[in-house]
Protein backbone atom coordinates (compact mmCIF):
# COMPACT_ATOMS: atom_id res chain seq x y z
CA MET A 1 -25.67 254.20 -34.95
CA TYR A 2 -27.82 252.89 -36.97
CA LYS A 3 -26.67 254.85 -40.11
CA LYS A 4 -23.07 254.14 -38.93
CA ILE A 5 -24.03 250.17 -39.23
CA ILE A 6 -25.86 250.46 -42.83
CA LEU A 7 -23.18 252.87 -43.92
CA MET A 8 -20.26 250.55 -42.67
CA LEU A 9 -22.44 247.51 -44.02
CA ALA A 10 -22.71 248.67 -47.14
CA ILE A 11 -19.19 249.99 -47.68
CA ILE A 12 -18.26 246.22 -47.12
CA SER A 13 -20.39 244.66 -49.60
CA ILE A 14 -19.03 247.26 -52.36
CA VAL A 15 -15.68 246.41 -51.55
CA SER A 16 -16.20 242.65 -50.96
CA ALA A 17 -18.50 242.31 -54.33
CA PHE A 18 -14.99 243.98 -56.12
CA VAL A 19 -12.22 241.52 -54.56
CA PHE A 20 -14.59 238.60 -54.66
CA ALA A 21 -15.88 239.91 -59.04
CA ALA A 22 -12.07 240.45 -59.30
CA VAL A 23 -10.56 236.83 -58.76
CA GLY A 24 -11.01 234.68 -61.00
CA SER A 25 -12.81 236.67 -63.52
CA GLU A 26 -10.97 236.59 -66.96
CA GLU A 27 -8.69 239.48 -66.00
CA ASP A 28 -7.29 237.96 -63.16
CA PRO A 29 -7.64 234.19 -62.58
CA LEU A 30 -6.78 232.31 -59.84
CA ILE A 31 -4.32 230.45 -62.03
CA SER A 32 -2.64 233.17 -64.39
CA LEU A 33 -2.29 231.29 -68.05
CA SER A 34 1.67 232.05 -68.34
CA TYR A 35 1.70 229.92 -64.45
CA LEU A 36 -0.56 226.88 -65.97
CA GLU A 37 2.07 226.50 -70.01
CA LYS A 38 5.28 227.36 -67.70
CA ARG A 39 4.01 224.28 -65.46
CA LEU A 40 2.55 221.80 -68.19
CA SER A 41 5.68 222.65 -69.83
CA GLU A 42 7.94 221.19 -67.00
CA LEU A 43 5.28 218.60 -66.68
CA LYS A 44 5.81 217.74 -70.42
CA ILE A 45 9.66 217.51 -69.91
CA GLU A 46 9.22 215.10 -66.80
CA LEU A 47 7.29 213.44 -68.41
CA LEU A 48 9.51 212.64 -71.20
CA GLU A 49 12.20 212.04 -68.98
CA LYS A 50 10.41 208.94 -67.84
CA GLU A 51 9.85 207.88 -70.80
CA VAL A 52 13.08 207.76 -71.32
CA GLU A 53 14.24 205.60 -68.07
CA GLN A 54 11.81 203.26 -68.60
CA ALA A 55 12.44 202.98 -72.52
CA GLU A 56 16.45 202.52 -71.36
CA ILE A 57 15.41 199.74 -68.71
CA GLU A 58 13.62 197.83 -71.08
CA LYS A 59 16.60 197.74 -73.16
CA THR A 60 18.81 196.70 -70.63
CA VAL A 61 15.96 193.26 -70.24
CA GLU A 62 17.37 191.14 -72.52
CA HIS A 63 15.41 188.23 -74.60
CA PHE A 64 16.67 184.81 -75.32
CA GLU A 65 17.99 184.80 -78.21
CA ALA A 66 17.22 180.92 -80.59
CA LEU A 67 20.30 179.91 -82.85
CA THR A 68 21.70 177.03 -84.53
CA PHE A 69 25.08 176.80 -84.48
CA GLU A 70 27.18 173.86 -86.82
CA THR A 71 29.21 171.45 -85.68
CA GLY A 72 32.37 172.94 -85.02
CA THR A 73 31.37 176.54 -84.46
CA ILE A 74 33.14 178.02 -81.20
CA VAL A 75 31.02 180.70 -79.56
CA LEU A 76 32.46 182.54 -76.96
CA LEU A 77 30.58 184.37 -73.60
CA GLY A 78 29.84 188.04 -72.92
CA ASP A 79 30.00 188.68 -69.18
CA SER A 80 27.12 187.29 -67.27
CA ALA A 81 25.54 185.26 -70.44
CA GLU A 82 23.10 183.56 -69.65
CA LEU A 83 22.36 179.88 -72.09
CA ILE A 84 20.95 177.28 -72.50
CA VAL A 85 21.30 174.08 -74.55
CA ARG A 86 17.89 172.61 -76.17
CA THR A 87 19.08 169.93 -78.35
CA GLY A 88 22.53 168.79 -80.04
CA ASP A 89 26.04 168.46 -77.59
CA ALA A 90 29.16 170.74 -77.42
CA ILE A 91 31.12 171.39 -74.75
CA LEU A 92 32.73 173.98 -72.08
CA VAL A 93 35.61 175.73 -73.84
CA ASP A 94 37.28 177.54 -70.71
CA PRO A 95 41.41 178.08 -71.41
CA MET A 96 41.44 179.33 -67.61
CA HIS A 97 39.89 175.68 -67.46
CA ASN A 98 38.15 177.16 -65.00
CA THR A 99 33.28 176.51 -64.54
CA ILE A 100 30.37 177.73 -65.78
CA PRO A 101 27.58 176.97 -63.05
CA ASP A 102 24.90 175.60 -64.01
CA LEU A 103 21.58 177.67 -62.17
CA THR A 104 18.99 174.28 -62.50
CA SER A 105 21.12 172.29 -60.68
CA GLY A 106 23.51 173.39 -58.56
CA THR A 107 26.74 172.20 -60.00
CA ALA A 108 29.61 173.05 -62.24
CA VAL A 109 30.34 172.29 -66.05
CA LYS A 110 34.18 171.55 -66.06
CA ALA A 111 36.45 172.48 -69.28
CA GLY A 112 36.01 169.98 -71.56
CA GLU A 113 32.76 168.81 -70.18
CA ASN A 114 29.85 168.50 -72.58
CA LEU A 115 27.10 171.39 -72.01
CA PRO A 116 23.86 169.72 -70.27
CA LEU A 117 20.19 169.63 -72.11
CA ASP A 118 17.59 172.13 -71.04
CA HIS A 119 19.78 173.34 -68.25
CA LEU A 120 20.29 177.43 -67.45
CA LEU A 121 24.00 177.88 -67.49
CA LEU A 122 25.23 181.82 -66.33
CA ASN A 123 29.41 183.02 -66.93
CA PRO A 124 30.47 184.66 -64.14
CA ARG A 125 32.66 187.44 -66.96
CA ALA A 126 34.04 187.50 -70.34
CA ASP A 127 37.12 185.74 -70.05
CA GLY A 128 37.11 183.27 -73.51
CA ARG A 129 35.01 180.97 -71.65
CA GLY A 130 32.04 179.46 -74.26
CA PHE A 131 31.19 176.30 -76.05
CA MET A 132 32.53 174.51 -78.66
CA VAL A 133 29.78 172.97 -81.26
CA VAL A 134 29.96 168.65 -81.46
CA GLY A 135 28.49 165.68 -82.45
CA GLU A 136 26.24 165.43 -86.21
CA VAL A 137 22.32 166.56 -84.27
CA GLU A 138 20.95 169.32 -84.88
CA PHE A 139 22.05 172.15 -83.01
CA TRP A 140 20.08 175.00 -81.17
CA VAL A 141 20.85 176.64 -78.14
CA MET A 142 18.95 180.11 -76.50
CA ILE A 143 21.06 182.55 -75.64
CA LYS A 144 20.95 185.51 -73.41
CA GLY A 145 23.63 188.05 -73.08
CA ASP A 146 26.47 189.44 -75.75
CA TYR A 147 28.51 186.34 -77.29
CA GLN A 148 31.20 186.16 -80.38
CA ILE A 149 31.21 183.25 -82.73
CA GLN A 150 34.53 182.15 -83.77
């Protein structure tokens, strides 16, 4: 009986020695090198895609551009363009006789009215709305978004 137990223990220890010795060795690692390389390349691709997405998001976030214009210059604003008049005089140009929302005061600027200084104005559509610089004082404005100079 003791011989059977000793024989069984010897067989179990020999088999377990082979099993545990083989796991994680150079010949049979826990993770194969090919799997690891494949997974790393997949992660690199995912990381590059995230970087491209982040770069596209950052591109869409525009900054205000400080510009100066001479008297008589007409600037047409693009869709969702924002502007802040810093110095000088300009009037709203709008062939459709619409308004441009003044987000600072919560009112609207009508065609032919002066654009208020230091107020955030938003052009809702690219439909010909813009401003014309009038007066002799140096005019400069901050614009975020698309615009065309005429």
